[in-house]
């Protein structure tokens, strides 16, 4: 009997709370306006993002040139130190070593970013096969500038693919 009385009190209490809540809801304004104009802040944020994005795009070629300059400087210093110019197989080995280090560093930097395509690794593998074919040809003609340029181009294409594929989607708008 006591539990029936408790349930009635609980139901009455619940109805009273619901009625009070309904009254408060009805007193609220139908439209809520922001206290200040928000579009100005949104516009500034978009403008800042646009400038940051263009700054990054303008820095990439500079960074690539700096990396190339460092490679040339290292190769030149190594050849100066050894007293002979770095040629043939040693040049190819130095280029491959530098590329592998740069590629690993780039992959480490973008490892947490979502890839834009699924077949990018296949493209990298195909370029690796092309690099191996060029290296094989360089064994026959170690100082062929056209082959050396092709090898360098293949390495640059790999780096470009990795950067493009892992570029955040909002940067491509």
N, C-alpha and C. Protein backbone atom coordinates (compact mmCIF):
# COMPACT_ATOMS: atom_id res chain seq x y z
N UNK A 1 0.81 -1.18 0.00
CA UNK A 1 0.00 0.00 0.00
C UNK A 1 0.86 1.25 0.00
N UNK A 2 1.93 1.17 0.73
CA UNK A 2 2.86 2.29 0.82
C UNK A 2 3.52 2.57 -0.52
N UNK A 3 3.81 1.50 -1.26
CA UNK A 3 4.47 1.68 -2.56
C UNK A 3 3.53 2.33 -3.58
N UNK A 4 2.24 2.07 -3.49
CA UNK A 4 1.27 2.70 -4.38
C UNK A 4 1.22 4.19 -4.12
N UNK A 5 1.24 4.55 -2.84
CA UNK A 5 1.24 5.96 -2.46
C UNK A 5 2.51 6.67 -2.95
N UNK A 6 3.67 6.00 -2.86
CA UNK A 6 4.95 6.55 -3.33
C UNK A 6 4.92 6.77 -4.84
N UNK A 7 4.32 5.83 -5.56
CA UNK A 7 4.24 5.96 -7.02
C UNK A 7 3.38 7.15 -7.42
N UNK A 8 2.29 7.35 -6.70
CA UNK A 8 1.41 8.48 -6.99
C UNK A 8 2.14 9.80 -6.76
N UNK A 9 2.92 9.86 -5.67
CA UNK A 9 3.69 11.07 -5.39
C UNK A 9 4.75 11.30 -6.46
N UNK A 10 5.41 10.22 -6.89
CA UNK A 10 6.43 10.33 -7.95
C UNK A 10 5.79 10.81 -9.25
N UNK A 11 4.62 10.26 -9.60
CA UNK A 11 3.94 10.68 -10.83
C UNK A 11 3.52 12.14 -10.75
N UNK A 12 3.03 12.56 -9.60
CA UNK A 12 2.61 13.95 -9.42
C UNK A 12 3.82 14.87 -9.51
N UNK A 13 4.92 14.46 -8.92
CA UNK A 13 6.15 15.25 -8.96
C UNK A 13 6.67 15.35 -10.39
N UNK A 14 6.63 14.25 -11.11
CA UNK A 14 7.10 14.23 -12.49
C UNK A 14 6.22 15.13 -13.36
N UNK A 15 4.89 15.08 -13.16
CA UNK A 15 3.99 15.93 -13.94
C UNK A 15 4.23 17.40 -13.64
N UNK A 16 4.50 17.72 -12.38
CA UNK A 16 4.78 19.11 -12.00
C UNK A 16 6.05 19.59 -12.67
N UNK A 17 7.10 18.75 -12.67
CA UNK A 17 8.37 19.11 -13.33
C UNK A 17 8.19 19.30 -14.82
N UNK A 18 7.39 18.41 -15.43
CA UNK A 18 7.15 18.52 -16.87
C UNK A 18 6.37 19.78 -17.20
N UNK A 19 5.41 20.11 -16.36
CA UNK A 19 4.62 21.33 -16.59
C UNK A 19 5.51 22.57 -16.47
N UNK A 20 6.39 22.59 -15.47
CA UNK A 20 7.30 23.72 -15.30
C UNK A 20 8.25 23.83 -16.49
N UNK A 21 8.74 22.68 -16.94
CA UNK A 21 9.64 22.67 -18.08
C UNK A 21 8.93 23.18 -19.34
N UNK A 22 7.69 22.74 -19.54
CA UNK A 22 6.94 23.17 -20.71
C UNK A 22 6.70 24.69 -20.67
N UNK A 23 6.42 25.23 -19.48
CA UNK A 23 6.21 26.68 -19.35
C UNK A 23 7.49 27.43 -19.70
N UNK A 24 8.63 26.93 -19.22
CA UNK A 24 9.91 27.58 -19.52
C UNK A 24 10.23 27.53 -21.01
N UNK A 25 9.92 26.41 -21.65
CA UNK A 25 10.15 26.27 -23.10
C UNK A 25 9.31 27.27 -23.87
N UNK A 26 8.06 27.42 -23.46
CA UNK A 26 7.16 28.35 -24.15
C UNK A 26 7.60 29.80 -24.00
N UNK A 27 8.31 30.11 -22.93
CA UNK A 27 8.77 31.47 -22.69
C UNK A 27 10.02 31.82 -23.51
N UNK A 28 10.69 30.81 -24.02
CA UNK A 28 11.90 31.07 -24.81
C UNK A 28 11.55 31.73 -26.14
N UNK A 29 12.46 32.55 -26.62
CA UNK A 29 12.28 33.18 -27.93
C UNK A 29 12.40 32.12 -29.01
N UNK A 30 11.63 32.27 -30.06
CA UNK A 30 11.66 31.28 -31.13
C UNK A 30 12.95 31.35 -31.94
N UNK A 31 13.51 32.51 -32.06
CA UNK A 31 14.76 32.67 -32.80
C UNK A 31 15.83 33.21 -31.86
N UNK A 32 16.99 32.63 -31.94
CA UNK A 32 18.12 33.08 -31.12
C UNK A 32 19.13 33.72 -32.06
N UNK A 33 19.43 34.97 -31.83
CA UNK A 33 20.38 35.71 -32.65
C UNK A 33 21.72 35.75 -31.93
N UNK A 34 22.82 35.64 -32.68
CA UNK A 34 24.12 35.78 -32.03
C UNK A 34 24.31 37.20 -31.50
N UNK A 35 25.14 37.31 -30.49
CA UNK A 35 25.36 38.61 -29.86
C UNK A 35 26.17 39.55 -30.76
N UNK A 36 26.92 38.99 -31.72
CA UNK A 36 27.70 39.81 -32.63
C UNK A 36 27.74 39.14 -34.00
N UNK A 37 28.17 39.85 -35.01
CA UNK A 37 28.24 39.34 -36.37
C UNK A 37 29.39 38.32 -36.47
N UNK A 38 29.06 37.07 -36.77
CA UNK A 38 30.07 36.01 -36.82
C UNK A 38 30.74 35.88 -38.19
N UNK A 39 30.13 36.43 -39.24
CA UNK A 39 30.68 36.27 -40.58
C UNK A 39 32.07 36.91 -40.71
N UNK A 40 32.29 37.98 -40.00
CA UNK A 40 33.59 38.65 -40.09
C UNK A 40 34.72 37.72 -39.62
N UNK A 41 34.50 37.01 -38.52
CA UNK A 41 35.50 36.08 -38.01
C UNK A 41 35.68 34.89 -38.94
N UNK A 42 34.59 34.41 -39.52
CA UNK A 42 34.67 33.29 -40.46
C UNK A 42 35.46 33.72 -41.69
N UNK A 43 35.16 34.91 -42.18
CA UNK A 43 35.86 35.43 -43.36
C UNK A 43 37.37 35.56 -43.08
N UNK A 44 37.72 36.08 -41.90
CA UNK A 44 39.13 36.23 -41.56
C UNK A 44 39.82 34.87 -41.45
N UNK A 45 39.14 33.88 -40.87
CA UNK A 45 39.72 32.55 -40.74
C UNK A 45 39.94 31.93 -42.11
N UNK A 46 38.98 32.09 -43.02
CA UNK A 46 39.14 31.57 -44.38
C UNK A 46 40.29 32.26 -45.10
N UNK A 47 40.39 33.55 -44.94
CA UNK A 47 41.47 34.32 -45.59
C UNK A 47 42.82 33.88 -45.05
N UNK A 48 42.90 33.68 -43.75
CA UNK A 48 44.16 33.25 -43.14
C UNK A 48 44.54 31.86 -43.64
N UNK A 49 43.57 30.96 -43.75
CA UNK A 49 43.82 29.62 -44.27
C UNK A 49 44.32 29.69 -45.70
N UNK A 50 43.73 30.58 -46.50
CA UNK A 50 44.14 30.73 -47.89
C UNK A 50 45.59 31.19 -47.97
N UNK A 51 45.96 32.15 -47.13
CA UNK A 51 47.33 32.65 -47.14
C UNK A 51 48.30 31.59 -46.65
N UNK A 52 47.93 30.84 -45.61
CA UNK A 52 48.79 29.78 -45.09
C UNK A 52 49.00 28.72 -46.15
N UNK A 53 47.92 28.35 -46.86
CA UNK A 53 48.00 27.35 -47.91
C UNK A 53 48.90 27.82 -49.04
N UNK A 54 48.77 29.08 -49.46
CA UNK A 54 49.61 29.58 -50.55
C UNK A 54 51.06 29.71 -50.08
N UNK A 55 51.27 30.05 -48.81
CA UNK A 55 52.64 30.11 -48.28
C UNK A 55 53.29 28.74 -48.34
N UNK A 56 52.55 27.69 -47.98
CA UNK A 56 53.11 26.33 -48.02
C UNK A 56 53.43 25.92 -49.45
N UNK A 57 52.55 26.27 -50.39
CA UNK A 57 52.81 25.92 -51.79
C UNK A 57 54.04 26.65 -52.31
N UNK A 58 54.23 27.89 -51.89
CA UNK A 58 55.39 28.64 -52.36
C UNK A 58 56.67 28.16 -51.69
N UNK A 59 56.57 27.53 -50.54
CA UNK A 59 57.76 27.04 -49.84
C UNK A 59 58.23 25.70 -50.37
N UNK A 60 57.34 24.88 -50.90
CA UNK A 60 57.72 23.55 -51.37
C UNK A 60 58.82 23.60 -52.41
N UNK A 61 58.70 24.43 -53.45
CA UNK A 61 59.79 24.48 -54.43
C UNK A 61 61.10 24.96 -53.80
N UNK A 62 61.01 25.87 -52.87
CA UNK A 62 62.22 26.37 -52.21
C UNK A 62 62.86 25.26 -51.40
N UNK A 63 62.03 24.48 -50.69
CA UNK A 63 62.56 23.36 -49.92
C UNK A 63 63.18 22.30 -50.84
N UNK A 64 62.53 22.05 -51.97
CA UNK A 64 63.07 21.08 -52.92
C UNK A 64 64.42 21.55 -53.47
N UNK A 65 64.50 22.86 -53.79
CA UNK A 65 65.78 23.39 -54.28
C UNK A 65 66.84 23.32 -53.20
N UNK A 66 66.46 23.59 -51.95
CA UNK A 66 67.42 23.52 -50.85
C UNK A 66 67.93 22.10 -50.67
N UNK A 67 67.02 21.12 -50.77
CA UNK A 67 67.44 19.72 -50.65
C UNK A 67 68.37 19.34 -51.80
N UNK A 68 68.05 19.79 -53.02
CA UNK A 68 68.92 19.50 -54.16
C UNK A 68 70.29 20.15 -53.98
N UNK A 69 70.29 21.41 -53.51
CA UNK A 69 71.55 22.10 -53.27
C UNK A 69 72.38 21.36 -52.23
N UNK A 70 71.71 20.89 -51.17
CA UNK A 70 72.44 20.14 -50.14
C UNK A 70 73.05 18.87 -50.71
N UNK A 71 72.30 18.18 -51.58
CA UNK A 71 72.81 16.97 -52.19
C UNK A 71 74.05 17.28 -53.03
N UNK A 72 73.96 18.33 -53.83
CA UNK A 72 75.10 18.72 -54.66
C UNK A 72 76.28 19.11 -53.78
N UNK A 73 76.00 19.85 -52.70
CA UNK A 73 77.08 20.27 -51.79
C UNK A 73 77.74 19.06 -51.13
N UNK A 74 76.94 18.11 -50.71
CA UNK A 74 77.50 16.90 -50.06
C UNK A 74 78.33 16.11 -51.05
N UNK A 75 77.78 15.92 -52.25
CA UNK A 75 78.52 15.18 -53.28
C UNK A 75 79.82 15.92 -53.62
N UNK A 76 79.74 17.24 -53.76
CA UNK A 76 80.94 18.03 -54.05
C UNK A 76 81.96 17.94 -52.93
N UNK A 77 81.49 18.02 -51.69
CA UNK A 77 82.41 17.94 -50.55
C UNK A 77 83.06 16.56 -50.48
N UNK A 78 82.24 15.52 -50.73
CA UNK A 78 82.79 14.15 -50.70
C UNK A 78 83.85 13.98 -51.79
N UNK A 79 83.59 14.54 -52.96
CA UNK A 79 84.57 14.40 -54.04
C UNK A 79 85.82 15.22 -53.75
N UNK A 80 85.65 16.38 -53.13
CA UNK A 80 86.80 17.21 -52.76
C UNK A 80 87.65 16.49 -51.72
N UNK A 81 86.98 15.90 -50.74
CA UNK A 81 87.69 15.19 -49.67
C UNK A 81 88.44 13.98 -50.21
N UNK A 82 87.85 13.28 -51.14
CA UNK A 82 88.51 12.08 -51.64
C UNK A 82 89.57 12.40 -52.69
N UNK A 83 89.57 13.64 -53.16
CA UNK A 83 90.58 14.04 -54.13
C UNK A 83 90.23 13.65 -55.55
N UNK A 84 89.09 13.05 -55.75
CA UNK A 84 88.65 12.71 -57.10
C UNK A 84 87.16 12.98 -57.20
N UNK A 85 86.71 13.15 -58.39
CA UNK A 85 85.29 13.46 -58.55
C UNK A 85 84.45 12.20 -58.35
N UNK A 86 83.28 12.41 -57.84
CA UNK A 86 82.36 11.31 -57.59
C UNK A 86 81.69 11.00 -58.92
N UNK A 87 81.92 9.81 -59.42
CA UNK A 87 81.39 9.45 -60.71
C UNK A 87 80.87 8.02 -60.68
N UNK A 88 80.17 7.70 -61.73
CA UNK A 88 79.75 6.33 -61.95
C UNK A 88 78.92 5.74 -60.82
N UNK A 89 79.33 4.54 -60.42
CA UNK A 89 78.57 3.79 -59.42
C UNK A 89 78.50 4.51 -58.08
N UNK A 90 79.55 5.19 -57.70
CA UNK A 90 79.53 5.89 -56.41
C UNK A 90 78.53 7.06 -56.44
N UNK A 91 78.40 7.73 -57.59
CA UNK A 91 77.42 8.80 -57.72
C UNK A 91 76.00 8.24 -57.65
N UNK A 92 75.76 7.15 -58.35
CA UNK A 92 74.44 6.51 -58.34
C UNK A 92 74.11 6.06 -56.92
N UNK A 93 75.09 5.48 -56.23
CA UNK A 93 74.87 5.02 -54.86
C UNK A 93 74.56 6.20 -53.94
N UNK A 94 75.27 7.32 -54.11
CA UNK A 94 75.02 8.50 -53.28
C UNK A 94 73.63 9.07 -53.55
N UNK A 95 73.23 9.12 -54.82
CA UNK A 95 71.88 9.60 -55.16
C UNK A 95 70.81 8.69 -54.56
N UNK A 96 71.01 7.38 -54.68
CA UNK A 96 70.03 6.43 -54.15
C UNK A 96 69.93 6.54 -52.63
N UNK A 97 71.06 6.68 -51.98
CA UNK A 97 71.07 6.80 -50.52
C UNK A 97 70.36 8.08 -50.06
N UNK A 98 70.65 9.17 -50.73
CA UNK A 98 69.99 10.44 -50.40
C UNK A 98 68.49 10.36 -50.62
N UNK A 99 68.09 9.75 -51.75
CA UNK A 99 66.66 9.63 -52.05
C UNK A 99 65.97 8.76 -51.01
N UNK A 100 66.58 7.63 -50.65
CA UNK A 100 65.97 6.76 -49.65
C UNK A 100 65.77 7.48 -48.32
N UNK A 101 66.75 8.26 -47.91
CA UNK A 101 66.64 9.01 -46.65
C UNK A 101 65.51 10.05 -46.74
N UNK A 102 65.45 10.78 -47.86
CA UNK A 102 64.39 11.78 -48.04
C UNK A 102 63.01 11.13 -48.10
N UNK A 103 62.92 10.00 -48.80
CA UNK A 103 61.65 9.29 -48.95
C UNK A 103 61.16 8.77 -47.59
N UNK A 104 62.06 8.19 -46.82
CA UNK A 104 61.68 7.69 -45.49
C UNK A 104 61.23 8.84 -44.59
N UNK A 105 61.92 9.95 -44.65
CA UNK A 105 61.55 11.11 -43.83
C UNK A 105 60.17 11.63 -44.23
N UNK A 106 59.90 11.69 -45.54
CA UNK A 106 58.61 12.18 -46.01
C UNK A 106 57.49 11.22 -45.61
N UNK A 107 57.72 9.91 -45.78
CA UNK A 107 56.71 8.93 -45.41
C UNK A 107 56.42 8.98 -43.90
N UNK A 108 57.43 9.21 -43.13
CA UNK A 108 57.25 9.33 -41.68
C UNK A 108 56.43 10.58 -41.35
N UNK A 109 56.66 11.65 -42.08
CA UNK A 109 55.94 12.90 -41.83
C UNK A 109 54.46 12.79 -42.19
N UNK A 110 54.12 12.00 -43.21
CA UNK A 110 52.73 11.92 -43.68
C UNK A 110 52.03 10.64 -43.25
N UNK A 111 52.66 9.85 -42.39
CA UNK A 111 52.09 8.54 -42.06
C UNK A 111 50.71 8.61 -41.43
N UNK A 112 50.39 9.68 -40.71
CA UNK A 112 49.09 9.79 -40.06
C UNK A 112 48.04 10.46 -40.94
N UNK A 113 48.41 10.88 -42.14
CA UNK A 113 47.46 11.55 -43.02
C UNK A 113 46.79 10.54 -43.93
N UNK A 114 45.52 10.76 -44.20
CA UNK A 114 44.75 9.90 -45.08
C UNK A 114 45.22 10.09 -46.53
N UNK A 115 45.44 9.00 -47.24
CA UNK A 115 45.85 9.07 -48.64
C UNK A 115 44.64 9.38 -49.51
N UNK A 116 44.84 10.22 -50.52
CA UNK A 116 43.74 10.62 -51.40
C UNK A 116 43.38 9.52 -52.39
N UNK A 117 44.31 8.64 -52.73
CA UNK A 117 44.05 7.53 -53.64
C UNK A 117 44.55 6.24 -53.01
N UNK A 118 44.05 5.14 -53.55
CA UNK A 118 44.44 3.84 -52.99
C UNK A 118 45.63 3.22 -53.72
N UNK A 119 45.89 3.63 -54.96
CA UNK A 119 46.93 2.97 -55.75
C UNK A 119 48.26 3.72 -55.75
N UNK A 120 48.47 4.64 -54.81
CA UNK A 120 49.69 5.43 -54.81
C UNK A 120 50.91 4.55 -54.58
N UNK A 121 50.78 3.52 -53.75
CA UNK A 121 51.93 2.65 -53.48
C UNK A 121 52.31 1.88 -54.74
N UNK A 122 51.32 1.51 -55.53
CA UNK A 122 51.60 0.84 -56.80
C UNK A 122 52.39 1.77 -57.73
N UNK A 123 52.03 3.03 -57.75
CA UNK A 123 52.76 4.00 -58.57
C UNK A 123 54.20 4.13 -58.09
N UNK A 124 54.40 4.15 -56.78
CA UNK A 124 55.75 4.23 -56.21
C UNK A 124 56.54 2.99 -56.60
N UNK A 125 55.90 1.81 -56.53
CA UNK A 125 56.58 0.56 -56.90
C UNK A 125 56.98 0.55 -58.37
N UNK A 126 56.10 1.07 -59.23
CA UNK A 126 56.42 1.14 -60.66
C UNK A 126 57.62 2.07 -60.90
N UNK A 127 57.66 3.18 -60.17
CA UNK A 127 58.80 4.08 -60.30
C UNK A 127 60.07 3.45 -59.73
N UNK A 128 59.93 2.62 -58.69
CA UNK A 128 61.09 1.89 -58.17
C UNK A 128 61.65 0.94 -59.23
N UNK A 129 60.75 0.27 -59.95
CA UNK A 129 61.18 -0.62 -61.03
C UNK A 129 61.90 0.17 -62.13
N UNK A 130 61.38 1.35 -62.44
CA UNK A 130 62.03 2.20 -63.45
C UNK A 130 63.41 2.62 -62.96
N UNK A 131 63.53 2.97 -61.68
CA UNK A 131 64.82 3.36 -61.12
C UNK A 131 65.82 2.20 -61.20
N UNK A 132 65.35 1.00 -60.93
CA UNK A 132 66.23 -0.17 -61.02
C UNK A 132 66.72 -0.39 -62.45
N UNK A 133 65.82 -0.21 -63.42
CA UNK A 133 66.20 -0.36 -64.82
C UNK A 133 67.24 0.70 -65.22
N UNK A 134 67.05 1.92 -64.74
CA UNK A 134 68.00 2.99 -65.05
C UNK A 134 69.34 2.70 -64.39
N UNK A 135 69.33 2.22 -63.16
CA UNK A 135 70.59 1.87 -62.48
C UNK A 135 71.32 0.76 -63.22
N UNK A 136 70.56 -0.19 -63.74
CA UNK A 136 71.18 -1.28 -64.52
C UNK A 136 71.85 -0.71 -65.78
N UNK A 137 71.16 0.23 -66.43
CA UNK A 137 71.73 0.86 -67.62
C UNK A 137 72.96 1.70 -67.24
N UNK A 138 72.93 2.29 -66.06
CA UNK A 138 74.08 3.09 -65.60
C UNK A 138 75.29 2.22 -65.29
N UNK A 139 75.10 0.94 -65.04
CA UNK A 139 76.23 0.04 -64.85
C UNK A 139 77.01 -0.11 -66.16
N UNK A 140 76.30 -0.05 -67.26
CA UNK A 140 76.93 -0.13 -68.58
C UNK A 140 77.56 1.19 -68.98
N UNK A 141 76.87 2.30 -68.68
CA UNK A 141 77.35 3.64 -69.00
C UNK A 141 77.29 4.49 -67.73
N UNK A 142 78.26 4.38 -66.84
CA UNK A 142 78.18 5.02 -65.53
C UNK A 142 78.15 6.54 -65.56
N UNK A 143 78.66 7.17 -66.57
CA UNK A 143 78.71 8.64 -66.59
C UNK A 143 77.76 9.24 -67.63
N UNK A 144 76.72 8.52 -68.00
CA UNK A 144 75.77 9.00 -68.99
C UNK A 144 74.86 10.05 -68.32
N UNK A 145 74.99 11.32 -68.73
CA UNK A 145 74.21 12.37 -68.07
C UNK A 145 72.70 12.22 -68.28
N UNK A 146 72.29 11.69 -69.41
CA UNK A 146 70.86 11.52 -69.67
C UNK A 146 70.26 10.49 -68.70
N UNK A 147 71.00 9.39 -68.48
CA UNK A 147 70.52 8.38 -67.55
C UNK A 147 70.50 8.90 -66.11
N UNK A 148 71.52 9.67 -65.74
CA UNK A 148 71.56 10.25 -64.41
C UNK A 148 70.38 11.21 -64.20
N UNK A 149 70.08 11.99 -65.25
CA UNK A 149 68.95 12.92 -65.16
C UNK A 149 67.64 12.15 -65.06
N UNK A 150 67.51 11.05 -65.80
CA UNK A 150 66.30 10.22 -65.73
C UNK A 150 66.12 9.64 -64.32
N UNK A 151 67.23 9.20 -63.72
CA UNK A 151 67.16 8.64 -62.37
C UNK A 151 66.70 9.71 -61.38
N UNK A 152 67.28 10.87 -61.50
CA UNK A 152 66.90 11.98 -60.62
C UNK A 152 65.43 12.33 -60.81
N UNK A 153 64.95 12.32 -62.06
CA UNK A 153 63.56 12.62 -62.36
C UNK A 153 62.62 11.58 -61.74
N UNK A 154 62.99 10.31 -61.80
CA UNK A 154 62.18 9.25 -61.20
C UNK A 154 62.07 9.47 -59.69
N UNK A 155 63.19 9.81 -59.07
CA UNK A 155 63.19 10.06 -57.63
C UNK A 155 62.29 11.26 -57.29
N UNK A 156 62.36 12.30 -58.08
CA UNK A 156 61.52 13.48 -57.84
C UNK A 156 60.04 13.16 -58.01
N UNK A 157 59.71 12.31 -59.01
CA UNK A 157 58.32 11.91 -59.22
C UNK A 157 57.78 11.13 -58.02
N UNK A 158 58.60 10.27 -57.45
CA UNK A 158 58.17 9.53 -56.27
C UNK A 158 57.83 10.48 -55.12
N UNK A 159 58.70 11.43 -54.89
CA UNK A 159 58.47 12.38 -53.80
C UNK A 159 57.20 13.20 -54.06
N UNK A 160 57.01 13.60 -55.31
CA UNK A 160 55.83 14.40 -55.66
C UNK A 160 54.54 13.60 -55.45
N UNK A 161 54.56 12.33 -55.81
CA UNK A 161 53.37 11.48 -55.62
C UNK A 161 53.04 11.37 -54.14
N UNK A 162 54.03 11.11 -53.33
CA UNK A 162 53.79 10.96 -51.89
C UNK A 162 53.22 12.26 -51.32
N UNK A 163 53.78 13.40 -51.71
CA UNK A 163 53.29 14.68 -51.20
C UNK A 163 51.85 14.96 -51.65
N UNK A 164 51.57 14.74 -52.93
CA UNK A 164 50.23 15.03 -53.45
C UNK A 164 49.17 14.12 -52.85
N UNK A 165 49.50 12.85 -52.70
CA UNK A 165 48.53 11.87 -52.23
C UNK A 165 48.17 12.11 -50.76
N UNK A 166 49.12 12.60 -50.00
CA UNK A 166 48.88 12.78 -48.57
C UNK A 166 48.57 14.23 -48.19
N UNK A 167 48.38 15.07 -49.19
CA UNK A 167 48.02 16.46 -48.93
C UNK A 167 46.61 16.49 -48.38
N UNK A 168 46.36 17.22 -47.30
CA UNK A 168 45.01 17.26 -46.75
C UNK A 168 44.01 17.75 -47.78
N UNK A 169 42.80 17.19 -47.74
CA UNK A 169 41.77 17.48 -48.74
C UNK A 169 41.42 18.96 -48.79
N UNK A 170 41.40 19.66 -47.69
CA UNK A 170 41.00 21.08 -47.71
C UNK A 170 42.02 21.93 -48.41
N UNK A 171 43.24 21.43 -48.60
CA UNK A 171 44.25 22.21 -49.33
C UNK A 171 44.01 22.17 -50.83
N UNK A 172 43.21 21.21 -51.31
CA UNK A 172 42.99 21.07 -52.74
C UNK A 172 41.76 21.80 -53.22
N UNK A 173 41.07 22.52 -52.37
CA UNK A 173 39.84 23.22 -52.77
C UNK A 173 40.16 24.36 -53.70
